[in-house]
Every structure is written in structure tokens, then in C-alpha cells.
Amino acid sequence: MQYVALGHLHRSQEINGGKIPVYYSGSPLAYSFSESGQEKYIHIIDIEPGKAALIEKVALQKVRKLKRKTFDNVNDAVKWLEDNREVFAELTMRTDDFLTAEQNKMLRDASENLVNIIPEPKNRNELENENQRIDMNQSVNELFKKYFRETQEQEPNEEIMALFNEILNQKESK
């Protein structure tokens, strides 16, 4: 044997220590955001009987990069998305409140390559320390707010509460 090509691992790497060259070629495209900083390669192998394999590792230049960014406000995120249209983006939005439908649309409209938006409430510690016991004597609105805080890890905004009340009122009128 003059060369061993292995698969499955996403990162290109050479396995040292053998008598012949052994390589994981890696995937030519980033497969997930955990690979966002990895350079992608192809291997060009020239093999002739009885001679050592000639291996050329070539970095791919036209690969669309994956980038993760964190923002505290929507306008900065939109500007960054507009300036970085060539990347697949995952944004973490540190917000005091749930993103509105309008804000979400602004982000989505800024780049067709926006893959994911991760909300990260600034008041997470307050939410985690809140009493976990449910008081069934509370109003339906208070119970919903508590449920929303526990499942979304942030306070529901006025738009969410208005939608909840609209649904609640439709249910009661039937």
C-alpha cells in the first residue's frame, strides 16, 4: 500500500507514525456550527507503482463560512448580517425581552443565510432563582407569565401577552 484514505471525521488530519501516509480527508463543507472555525481541504494524491505517494493538501477557498455572533440589539445584528452576506450565520441575541415578530423579520430579511437565532435573556439568573412552586390562586395571566419565563427563560413582552389574551378571549366566547 502507498496511501490510506479514511473517512468520517470532519476535520482533515494526518495520522502519524505509520510506514505509509494515512489521512482523514475531512468533509469539504462545514457540517455544523461546531466546525465554524475549521479550514476545509481536499487532498490530491499522485500514486505510481513502486513510488511513495505524492500528497498535496489544498485549502478550499470558495467555501461559505459558518459564523457565530452575539448581539445586544437588533440593529447591530442587522447591520452585521448585511455586511456579511457570504457566511452562514447563527446569532445569539442577548435581549431583555422576547424578540418581536417585527424584529425577527428584520433579522431574517437582512440575510437569506441566517440559519439560527438563539435568544439569551439578560435576566437568566433572576429567572433561575425564582420560586419554582406554582400558586394556583394566581390569575391565568400570571400563570402564563410564569410558564413563559420557565420555558423561554425570559419575560413575555406586551405583544406575547396581547396574543395570549386574544386567544384566551376567543376560547371564552365560544
N, C-alpha and C. Protein backbone atom coordinates (compact mmCIF):
# COMPACT_ATOMS: atom_id res chain seq x y z
N MET A 1 0.85 -1.18 0.00
CA MET A 1 0.00 0.00 0.00
C MET A 1 0.89 1.24 0.00
N GLN A 2 0.39 2.27 -0.68
CA GLN A 2 1.14 3.51 -0.76
C GLN A 2 0.46 4.67 -0.03
N TYR A 3 -0.84 4.50 0.25
CA TYR A 3 -1.61 5.59 0.84
C TYR A 3 -2.90 5.01 1.40
N VAL A 4 -3.31 5.50 2.57
CA VAL A 4 -4.59 5.07 3.14
C VAL A 4 -5.47 6.31 3.34
N ALA A 5 -6.66 6.25 2.74
CA ALA A 5 -7.63 7.33 2.88
C ALA A 5 -8.73 6.86 3.82
N LEU A 6 -8.96 7.64 4.87
CA LEU A 6 -10.00 7.32 5.86
C LEU A 6 -11.11 8.36 5.78
N GLY A 7 -12.27 8.01 6.26
CA GLY A 7 -13.40 8.94 6.22
C GLY A 7 -14.00 9.13 7.59
N HIS A 8 -15.13 9.75 7.62
CA HIS A 8 -15.99 10.00 8.76
C HIS A 8 -15.63 11.26 9.55
N LEU A 9 -14.38 11.47 9.94
CA LEU A 9 -14.05 12.66 10.71
C LEU A 9 -14.21 13.90 9.84
N HIS A 10 -14.70 14.95 10.40
CA HIS A 10 -14.99 16.17 9.64
C HIS A 10 -13.77 17.05 9.45
N ARG A 11 -12.77 16.92 10.32
CA ARG A 11 -11.57 17.74 10.23
C ARG A 11 -10.49 16.96 9.48
N SER A 12 -9.85 17.62 8.54
CA SER A 12 -8.75 17.00 7.81
C SER A 12 -7.58 16.78 8.77
N GLN A 13 -7.02 15.56 8.75
CA GLN A 13 -5.87 15.31 9.62
C GLN A 13 -5.07 14.10 9.15
N GLU A 14 -3.78 14.17 9.43
CA GLU A 14 -2.86 13.08 9.09
C GLU A 14 -2.63 12.25 10.35
N ILE A 15 -2.61 10.93 10.17
CA ILE A 15 -2.32 10.01 11.26
C ILE A 15 -0.83 9.67 11.15
N ASN A 16 -0.04 10.14 12.09
CA ASN A 16 1.40 9.94 12.04
C ASN A 16 1.82 8.60 12.65
N GLY A 17 3.02 8.16 12.31
CA GLY A 17 3.61 7.01 12.96
C GLY A 17 3.62 5.75 12.11
N GLY A 18 2.93 5.75 10.99
CA GLY A 18 2.91 4.55 10.17
C GLY A 18 3.98 4.58 9.09
N LYS A 19 4.13 3.44 8.41
CA LYS A 19 5.11 3.34 7.31
C LYS A 19 4.60 3.99 6.04
N ILE A 20 3.29 4.14 5.94
CA ILE A 20 2.71 4.78 4.77
C ILE A 20 1.84 5.95 5.24
N PRO A 21 1.56 6.94 4.38
CA PRO A 21 0.73 8.07 4.79
C PRO A 21 -0.73 7.65 4.98
N VAL A 22 -1.30 8.09 6.09
CA VAL A 22 -2.70 7.81 6.41
C VAL A 22 -3.36 9.16 6.71
N TYR A 23 -4.47 9.44 6.02
CA TYR A 23 -5.16 10.72 6.17
C TYR A 23 -6.66 10.53 6.31
N TYR A 24 -7.23 11.34 7.17
CA TYR A 24 -8.67 11.61 7.14
C TYR A 24 -8.80 12.83 6.25
N SER A 25 -9.55 12.73 5.18
CA SER A 25 -9.66 13.88 4.27
C SER A 25 -10.51 15.00 4.88
N GLY A 26 -11.44 14.65 5.73
CA GLY A 26 -12.36 15.65 6.29
C GLY A 26 -13.47 15.93 5.31
N SER A 27 -14.51 16.59 5.77
CA SER A 27 -15.62 16.95 4.89
C SER A 27 -15.27 18.26 4.17
N PRO A 28 -15.66 18.39 2.92
CA PRO A 28 -15.33 19.62 2.19
C PRO A 28 -16.17 20.81 2.62
N LEU A 29 -17.28 20.57 3.30
CA LEU A 29 -18.14 21.64 3.79
C LEU A 29 -18.28 21.53 5.30
N ALA A 30 -18.41 22.66 5.96
CA ALA A 30 -18.68 22.64 7.39
C ALA A 30 -20.04 21.99 7.58
N TYR A 31 -20.08 21.02 8.46
CA TYR A 31 -21.28 20.22 8.66
C TYR A 31 -22.17 20.77 9.76
N SER A 32 -21.58 21.49 10.70
CA SER A 32 -22.35 22.10 11.78
C SER A 32 -21.58 23.31 12.29
N PHE A 33 -22.22 24.10 13.16
CA PHE A 33 -21.57 25.30 13.67
C PHE A 33 -20.41 24.97 14.60
N SER A 34 -20.31 23.72 15.05
CA SER A 34 -19.14 23.35 15.85
C SER A 34 -17.87 23.34 14.99
N GLU A 35 -18.04 23.34 13.67
CA GLU A 35 -16.90 23.39 12.74
C GLU A 35 -16.67 24.79 12.19
N SER A 36 -17.25 25.80 12.81
CA SER A 36 -17.25 27.14 12.23
C SER A 36 -15.85 27.73 12.02
N GLY A 37 -14.85 27.32 12.79
CA GLY A 37 -13.51 27.88 12.61
C GLY A 37 -12.57 26.99 11.81
N GLN A 38 -13.05 25.87 11.33
CA GLN A 38 -12.18 24.92 10.64
C GLN A 38 -11.93 25.29 9.19
N GLU A 39 -10.70 25.13 8.78
CA GLU A 39 -10.34 25.26 7.37
C GLU A 39 -10.70 23.94 6.70
N LYS A 40 -11.22 23.98 5.49
CA LYS A 40 -11.60 22.77 4.76
C LYS A 40 -10.61 22.54 3.62
N TYR A 41 -10.32 21.26 3.36
CA TYR A 41 -9.29 20.89 2.40
C TYR A 41 -9.77 19.77 1.49
N ILE A 42 -9.06 19.64 0.37
CA ILE A 42 -9.11 18.43 -0.43
C ILE A 42 -7.68 17.92 -0.52
N HIS A 43 -7.54 16.63 -0.75
CA HIS A 43 -6.21 16.03 -0.91
C HIS A 43 -6.08 15.55 -2.34
N ILE A 44 -5.02 15.96 -2.99
CA ILE A 44 -4.74 15.48 -4.34
C ILE A 44 -3.58 14.49 -4.20
N ILE A 45 -3.84 13.26 -4.59
CA ILE A 45 -2.87 12.18 -4.40
C ILE A 45 -2.38 11.71 -5.77
N ASP A 46 -1.07 11.68 -5.93
CA ASP A 46 -0.45 11.18 -7.16
C ASP A 46 0.31 9.91 -6.78
N ILE A 47 -0.15 8.78 -7.31
CA ILE A 47 0.44 7.49 -6.94
C ILE A 47 0.90 6.76 -8.20
N GLU A 48 2.13 6.29 -8.14
CA GLU A 48 2.69 5.44 -9.19
C GLU A 48 3.23 4.17 -8.54
N PRO A 49 3.07 3.04 -9.20
CA PRO A 49 3.56 1.78 -8.61
C PRO A 49 5.03 1.86 -8.20
N GLY A 50 5.32 1.40 -7.01
CA GLY A 50 6.68 1.33 -6.52
C GLY A 50 7.26 2.65 -6.01
N LYS A 51 6.48 3.72 -6.03
CA LYS A 51 6.97 5.01 -5.57
C LYS A 51 6.12 5.50 -4.40
N ALA A 52 6.70 6.39 -3.61
CA ALA A 52 5.96 6.98 -2.50
C ALA A 52 4.85 7.88 -3.05
N ALA A 53 3.74 7.89 -2.38
CA ALA A 53 2.61 8.74 -2.80
C ALA A 53 2.98 10.21 -2.63
N LEU A 54 2.61 11.01 -3.61
CA LEU A 54 2.77 12.46 -3.51
C LEU A 54 1.42 13.02 -3.08
N ILE A 55 1.43 13.73 -1.97
CA ILE A 55 0.19 14.21 -1.38
C ILE A 55 0.21 15.74 -1.34
N GLU A 56 -0.81 16.33 -1.95
CA GLU A 56 -0.95 17.78 -1.92
C GLU A 56 -2.26 18.11 -1.20
N LYS A 57 -2.14 18.84 -0.12
CA LYS A 57 -3.31 19.26 0.67
C LYS A 57 -3.65 20.68 0.24
N VAL A 58 -4.86 20.86 -0.32
CA VAL A 58 -5.25 22.15 -0.88
C VAL A 58 -6.43 22.71 -0.08
N ALA A 59 -6.23 23.90 0.47
CA ALA A 59 -7.30 24.57 1.21
C ALA A 59 -8.37 25.04 0.24
N LEU A 60 -9.62 24.78 0.57
CA LEU A 60 -10.73 25.24 -0.26
C LEU A 60 -10.97 26.72 0.02
N GLN A 61 -11.06 27.50 -1.05
CA GLN A 61 -11.17 28.95 -0.91
C GLN A 61 -12.60 29.46 -1.06
N LYS A 62 -13.43 28.76 -1.78
CA LYS A 62 -14.77 29.26 -2.08
C LYS A 62 -15.84 28.64 -1.18
N VAL A 63 -15.44 28.15 -0.04
CA VAL A 63 -16.39 27.54 0.89
C VAL A 63 -17.08 28.64 1.69
N ARG A 64 -18.37 28.55 1.80
CA ARG A 64 -19.12 29.51 2.61
C ARG A 64 -18.86 29.20 4.07
N LYS A 65 -18.37 30.18 4.81
CA LYS A 65 -18.01 30.01 6.22
C LYS A 65 -19.25 30.01 7.11
N LEU A 66 -19.13 29.36 8.25
CA LEU A 66 -20.14 29.41 9.30
C LEU A 66 -19.61 30.36 10.36
N LYS A 67 -20.44 31.30 10.77
CA LYS A 67 -20.02 32.24 11.81
C LYS A 67 -21.09 32.37 12.87
N ARG A 68 -20.61 32.41 14.12
CA ARG A 68 -21.48 32.66 15.26
C ARG A 68 -21.17 34.06 15.78
N LYS A 69 -22.21 34.83 16.04
CA LYS A 69 -22.03 36.18 16.59
C LYS A 69 -23.08 36.42 17.66
N THR A 70 -22.73 37.27 18.61
CA THR A 70 -23.64 37.64 19.69
C THR A 70 -23.88 39.14 19.64
N PHE A 71 -25.14 39.53 19.78
CA PHE A 71 -25.50 40.94 19.74
C PHE A 71 -26.44 41.28 20.88
N ASP A 72 -26.38 42.56 21.30
CA ASP A 72 -27.27 43.05 22.34
C ASP A 72 -28.46 43.81 21.76
N ASN A 73 -28.37 44.16 20.47
CA ASN A 73 -29.53 44.83 19.88
C ASN A 73 -29.69 44.42 18.42
N VAL A 74 -30.91 44.50 17.95
CA VAL A 74 -31.28 44.01 16.63
C VAL A 74 -30.63 44.83 15.52
N ASN A 75 -30.53 46.14 15.67
CA ASN A 75 -29.97 46.98 14.61
C ASN A 75 -28.53 46.62 14.32
N ASP A 76 -27.72 46.36 15.36
CA ASP A 76 -26.33 45.95 15.15
C ASP A 76 -26.27 44.61 14.44
N ALA A 77 -27.16 43.70 14.82
CA ALA A 77 -27.19 42.38 14.18
C ALA A 77 -27.57 42.49 12.71
N VAL A 78 -28.57 43.32 12.40
CA VAL A 78 -28.98 43.52 11.01
C VAL A 78 -27.84 44.08 10.19
N LYS A 79 -27.16 45.08 10.73
CA LYS A 79 -26.01 45.69 10.00
C LYS A 79 -24.94 44.64 9.74
N TRP A 80 -24.61 43.82 10.75
CA TRP A 80 -23.59 42.78 10.57
C TRP A 80 -24.04 41.76 9.52
N LEU A 81 -25.29 41.35 9.55
CA LEU A 81 -25.80 40.39 8.56
C LEU A 81 -25.71 40.97 7.15
N GLU A 82 -26.06 42.24 7.00
CA GLU A 82 -25.99 42.88 5.68
C GLU A 82 -24.55 42.98 5.18
N ASP A 83 -23.61 43.17 6.10
CA ASP A 83 -22.20 43.29 5.73
C ASP A 83 -21.52 41.93 5.54
N ASN A 84 -22.18 40.85 5.95
CA ASN A 84 -21.57 39.51 5.89
C ASN A 84 -22.51 38.52 5.21
N ARG A 85 -23.00 38.87 4.06
CA ARG A 85 -23.96 38.04 3.34
C ARG A 85 -23.35 36.74 2.83
N GLU A 86 -22.03 36.66 2.78
CA GLU A 86 -21.36 35.48 2.23
C GLU A 86 -21.21 34.34 3.25
N VAL A 87 -21.63 34.53 4.48
CA VAL A 87 -21.48 33.50 5.51
C VAL A 87 -22.84 32.95 5.91
N PHE A 88 -22.83 31.71 6.39
CA PHE A 88 -24.00 31.17 7.09
C PHE A 88 -23.86 31.63 8.52
N ALA A 89 -24.90 32.23 9.07
CA ALA A 89 -24.80 32.87 10.38
C ALA A 89 -25.73 32.23 11.40
N GLU A 90 -25.21 32.17 12.62
CA GLU A 90 -26.01 31.81 13.79
C GLU A 90 -25.83 32.96 14.78
N LEU A 91 -26.94 33.59 15.13
CA LEU A 91 -26.88 34.74 16.03
C LEU A 91 -27.41 34.39 17.41
N THR A 92 -26.71 34.87 18.41
CA THR A 92 -27.22 34.84 19.77
C THR A 92 -27.64 36.27 20.09
N MET A 93 -28.90 36.42 20.47
CA MET A 93 -29.44 37.74 20.77
C MET A 93 -29.64 37.85 22.27
N ARG A 94 -28.81 38.70 22.89
CA ARG A 94 -28.96 38.99 24.33
C ARG A 94 -29.98 40.10 24.47
N THR A 95 -31.15 39.72 24.91
CA THR A 95 -32.24 40.68 24.99
C THR A 95 -32.85 40.69 26.38
N ASP A 96 -33.46 41.80 26.73
CA ASP A 96 -34.21 41.89 27.99
C ASP A 96 -35.55 41.20 27.82
N ASP A 97 -36.02 41.15 26.59
CA ASP A 97 -37.38 40.73 26.30
C ASP A 97 -37.36 39.76 25.12
N PHE A 98 -38.45 39.10 24.90
CA PHE A 98 -38.61 38.20 23.75
C PHE A 98 -38.56 39.03 22.47
N LEU A 99 -37.90 38.53 21.42
CA LEU A 99 -37.88 39.25 20.15
C LEU A 99 -39.30 39.33 19.59
N THR A 100 -39.65 40.49 19.09
CA THR A 100 -40.97 40.64 18.47
C THR A 100 -40.94 40.01 17.08
N ALA A 101 -42.11 39.79 16.52
CA ALA A 101 -42.20 39.25 15.16
C ALA A 101 -41.53 40.21 14.18
N GLU A 102 -41.69 41.51 14.40
CA GLU A 102 -41.07 42.51 13.53
C GLU A 102 -39.54 42.44 13.61
N GLN A 103 -39.00 42.30 14.81
CA GLN A 103 -37.54 42.19 14.97
C GLN A 103 -37.02 40.90 14.32
N ASN A 104 -37.74 39.82 14.53
CA ASN A 104 -37.36 38.55 13.92
C ASN A 104 -37.35 38.67 12.40
N LYS A 105 -38.37 39.33 11.84
CA LYS A 105 -38.45 39.54 10.39
C LYS A 105 -37.29 40.41 9.90
N MET A 106 -36.96 41.46 10.65
CA MET A 106 -35.83 42.32 10.27
C MET A 106 -34.55 41.48 10.15
N LEU A 107 -34.32 40.61 11.12
CA LEU A 107 -33.13 39.77 11.10
C LEU A 107 -33.17 38.81 9.91
N ARG A 108 -34.28 38.14 9.71
CA ARG A 108 -34.42 37.17 8.61
C ARG A 108 -34.29 37.85 7.25
N ASP A 109 -34.83 39.05 7.12
CA ASP A 109 -34.76 39.79 5.85
C ASP A 109 -33.35 40.30 5.55
N ALA A 110 -32.54 40.46 6.58
CA ALA A 110 -31.19 41.01 6.39
C ALA A 110 -30.27 40.03 5.67
N SER A 111 -30.54 38.74 5.78
CA SER A 111 -29.69 37.75 5.11
C SER A 111 -30.44 36.45 4.93
N GLU A 112 -30.40 35.94 3.72
CA GLU A 112 -31.02 34.63 3.46
C GLU A 112 -30.18 33.50 4.06
N ASN A 113 -28.98 33.83 4.53
CA ASN A 113 -28.08 32.83 5.10
C ASN A 113 -28.08 32.82 6.62
N LEU A 114 -29.08 33.45 7.21
CA LEU A 114 -29.24 33.37 8.66
C LEU A 114 -29.86 32.01 8.98
N VAL A 115 -29.11 31.18 9.67
CA VAL A 115 -29.53 29.81 9.92
C VAL A 115 -30.33 29.70 11.21
N ASN A 116 -29.88 30.41 12.25
CA ASN A 116 -30.48 30.22 13.56
C ASN A 116 -30.36 31.50 14.39
N ILE A 117 -31.39 31.75 15.20
CA ILE A 117 -31.37 32.83 16.18
C ILE A 117 -31.56 32.21 17.55
N ILE A 118 -30.60 32.46 18.44
CA ILE A 118 -30.67 31.91 19.79
C ILE A 118 -30.95 33.05 20.76
N PRO A 119 -32.12 33.04 21.41
CA PRO A 119 -32.38 34.09 22.40
C PRO A 119 -31.60 33.80 23.68
N GLU A 120 -31.00 34.82 24.23
CA GLU A 120 -30.27 34.68 25.51
C GLU A 120 -30.69 35.84 26.40
N PRO A 121 -31.66 35.58 27.26
CA PRO A 121 -32.16 36.68 28.10
C PRO A 121 -31.10 37.16 29.08
N LYS A 122 -31.05 38.47 29.25
CA LYS A 122 -30.07 39.05 30.17
C LYS A 122 -30.41 38.76 31.62
N ASN A 123 -31.67 38.47 31.90
CA ASN A 123 -32.09 38.25 33.28
C ASN A 123 -32.18 36.76 33.62
N ARG A 124 -31.38 35.92 33.02
CA ARG A 124 -31.42 34.47 33.21
C ARG A 124 -31.25 34.08 34.68
N ASN A 125 -30.32 34.70 35.39
CA ASN A 125 -30.11 34.35 36.80
C ASN A 125 -31.34 34.64 37.64
N GLU A 126 -31.99 35.77 37.37
CA GLU A 126 -33.22 36.09 38.09
C GLU A 126 -34.29 35.05 37.83
N LEU A 127 -34.39 34.62 36.56
CA LEU A 127 -35.40 33.62 36.21
C LEU A 127 -35.11 32.28 36.87
N GLU A 128 -33.84 31.89 36.95
CA GLU A 128 -33.48 30.61 37.54
C GLU A 128 -33.69 30.60 39.05
N ASN A 129 -33.56 31.76 39.68
CA ASN A 129 -33.69 31.83 41.13
C ASN A 129 -35.13 32.01 41.59
N GLU A 130 -36.03 32.23 40.65
CA GLU A 130 -37.42 32.46 41.01
C GLU A 130 -38.02 31.20 41.65
N ASN A 131 -38.91 31.41 42.59
CA ASN A 131 -39.56 30.30 43.29
C ASN A 131 -40.23 29.36 42.29
N GLN A 132 -39.97 28.06 42.42
CA GLN A 132 -40.47 27.07 41.47
C GLN A 132 -41.89 26.59 41.80
N ARG A 133 -42.41 26.87 42.99
CA ARG A 133 -43.74 26.41 43.38
C ARG A 133 -44.82 27.17 42.62
N ILE A 134 -45.85 26.47 42.17
CA ILE A 134 -46.94 27.10 41.43
C ILE A 134 -48.10 27.38 42.37
N ASP A 135 -48.51 28.63 42.43
CA ASP A 135 -49.66 29.04 43.24
C ASP A 135 -50.87 29.09 42.31
N MET A 136 -51.77 28.13 42.44
CA MET A 136 -52.92 28.03 41.56
C MET A 136 -53.97 29.10 41.85
N ASN A 137 -53.75 29.94 42.87
CA ASN A 137 -54.66 31.05 43.15
C ASN A 137 -54.35 32.28 42.30
N GLN A 138 -53.27 32.21 41.52
CA GLN A 138 -52.90 33.34 40.66
C GLN A 138 -53.86 33.41 39.47
N SER A 139 -53.87 34.59 38.83
CA SER A 139 -54.69 34.76 37.62
C SER A 139 -54.09 33.93 36.48
N VAL A 140 -54.90 33.69 35.46
CA VAL A 140 -54.43 32.94 34.29
C VAL A 140 -53.25 33.66 33.65
N ASN A 141 -53.31 35.00 33.62
CA ASN A 141 -52.20 35.78 33.04
C ASN A 141 -50.91 35.57 33.83
N GLU A 142 -50.99 35.59 35.15
CA GLU A 142 -49.79 35.38 35.97
C GLU A 142 -49.24 33.98 35.80
N LEU A 143 -50.14 32.99 35.71
CA LEU A 143 -49.69 31.61 35.49
C LEU A 143 -49.00 31.48 34.12
N PHE A 144 -49.58 32.13 33.10
CA PHE A 144 -48.96 32.09 31.78
C PHE A 144 -47.59 32.76 31.80
N LYS A 145 -47.48 33.91 32.47
CA LYS A 145 -46.18 34.60 32.56
C LYS A 145 -45.13 33.71 33.21
N LYS A 146 -45.53 33.03 34.29
CA LYS A 146 -44.61 32.12 34.98
C LYS A 146 -44.20 30.97 34.05
N TYR A 147 -45.17 30.39 33.36
CA TYR A 147 -44.89 29.32 32.39
C TYR A 147 -43.92 29.81 31.31
N PHE A 148 -44.20 30.99 30.77
CA PHE A 148 -43.37 31.55 29.71
C PHE A 148 -41.93 31.77 30.20
N ARG A 149 -41.80 32.34 31.41
CA ARG A 149 -40.46 32.57 31.98
C ARG A 149 -39.69 31.25 32.13
N GLU A 150 -40.38 30.22 32.58
CA GLU A 150 -39.71 28.93 32.81
C GLU A 150 -39.34 28.22 31.52
N THR A 151 -40.19 28.33 30.49
CA THR A 151 -39.91 27.62 29.24
C THR A 151 -39.03 28.42 28.29
N GLN A 152 -39.16 29.74 28.29
CA GLN A 152 -38.40 30.58 27.35
C GLN A 152 -37.23 31.29 28.00
N GLU A 153 -37.13 31.20 29.31
CA GLU A 153 -36.05 31.82 30.08
C GLU A 153 -35.99 33.33 29.90
N GLN A 154 -37.15 33.93 29.74
CA GLN A 154 -37.23 35.38 29.65
C GLN A 154 -38.68 35.82 29.87
N GLU A 155 -38.85 37.10 30.12
CA GLU A 155 -40.18 37.65 30.37
C GLU A 155 -40.96 37.75 29.06
N PRO A 156 -42.25 37.46 29.09
CA PRO A 156 -43.04 37.68 27.87
C PRO A 156 -43.24 39.19 27.67
N ASN A 157 -43.15 39.63 26.43
CA ASN A 157 -43.34 41.06 26.16
C ASN A 157 -44.83 41.36 25.96
N GLU A 158 -45.14 42.62 25.72
CA GLU A 158 -46.54 43.04 25.58
C GLU A 158 -47.21 42.35 24.39
N GLU A 159 -46.48 42.15 23.31
CA GLU A 159 -47.04 41.52 22.11
C GLU A 159 -47.44 40.07 22.41
N ILE A 160 -46.60 39.34 23.13
CA ILE A 160 -46.90 37.96 23.51
C ILE A 160 -48.13 37.93 24.43
N MET A 161 -48.16 38.83 25.40
CA MET A 161 -49.30 38.85 26.33
C MET A 161 -50.59 39.22 25.61
N ALA A 162 -50.52 40.15 24.66
CA ALA A 162 -51.71 40.52 23.90
C ALA A 162 -52.22 39.33 23.08
N LEU A 163 -51.31 38.60 22.48
CA LEU A 163 -51.68 37.40 21.72
C LEU A 163 -52.30 36.35 22.64
N PHE A 164 -51.70 36.14 23.81
CA PHE A 164 -52.25 35.19 24.78
C PHE A 164 -53.67 35.58 25.17
N ASN A 165 -53.88 36.86 25.47
CA ASN A 165 -55.21 37.34 25.87
C ASN A 165 -56.22 37.23 24.73
N GLU A 166 -55.76 37.46 23.49
CA GLU A 166 -56.65 37.31 22.34
C GLU A 166 -57.10 35.86 22.21
N ILE A 167 -56.18 34.93 22.35
CA ILE A 167 -56.52 33.51 22.28
C ILE A 167 -57.44 33.13 23.44
N LEU A 168 -57.12 33.61 24.61
CA LEU A 168 -57.93 33.32 25.80
C LEU A 168 -59.35 33.85 25.62
N ASN A 169 -59.50 35.05 25.10
CA ASN A 169 -60.82 35.66 24.90
C ASN A 169 -61.62 34.91 23.84
N GLN A 170 -60.97 34.41 22.78
CA GLN A 170 -61.65 33.63 21.76
C GLN A 170 -62.19 32.33 22.36
N LYS A 171 -61.40 31.71 23.21
CA LYS A 171 -61.77 30.45 23.85
C LYS A 171 -62.98 30.66 24.76
N GLU A 172 -62.98 31.77 25.50
CA GLU A 172 -64.07 32.05 26.45
C GLU A 172 -65.37 32.42 25.75
N SER A 173 -65.29 33.02 24.56
CA SER A 173 -66.50 33.45 23.87
C SER A 173 -67.21 32.30 23.15
N LYS A 174 -66.58 31.15 23.05
CA LYS A 174 -67.21 30.00 22.36
C LYS A 174 -68.08 29.21 23.25
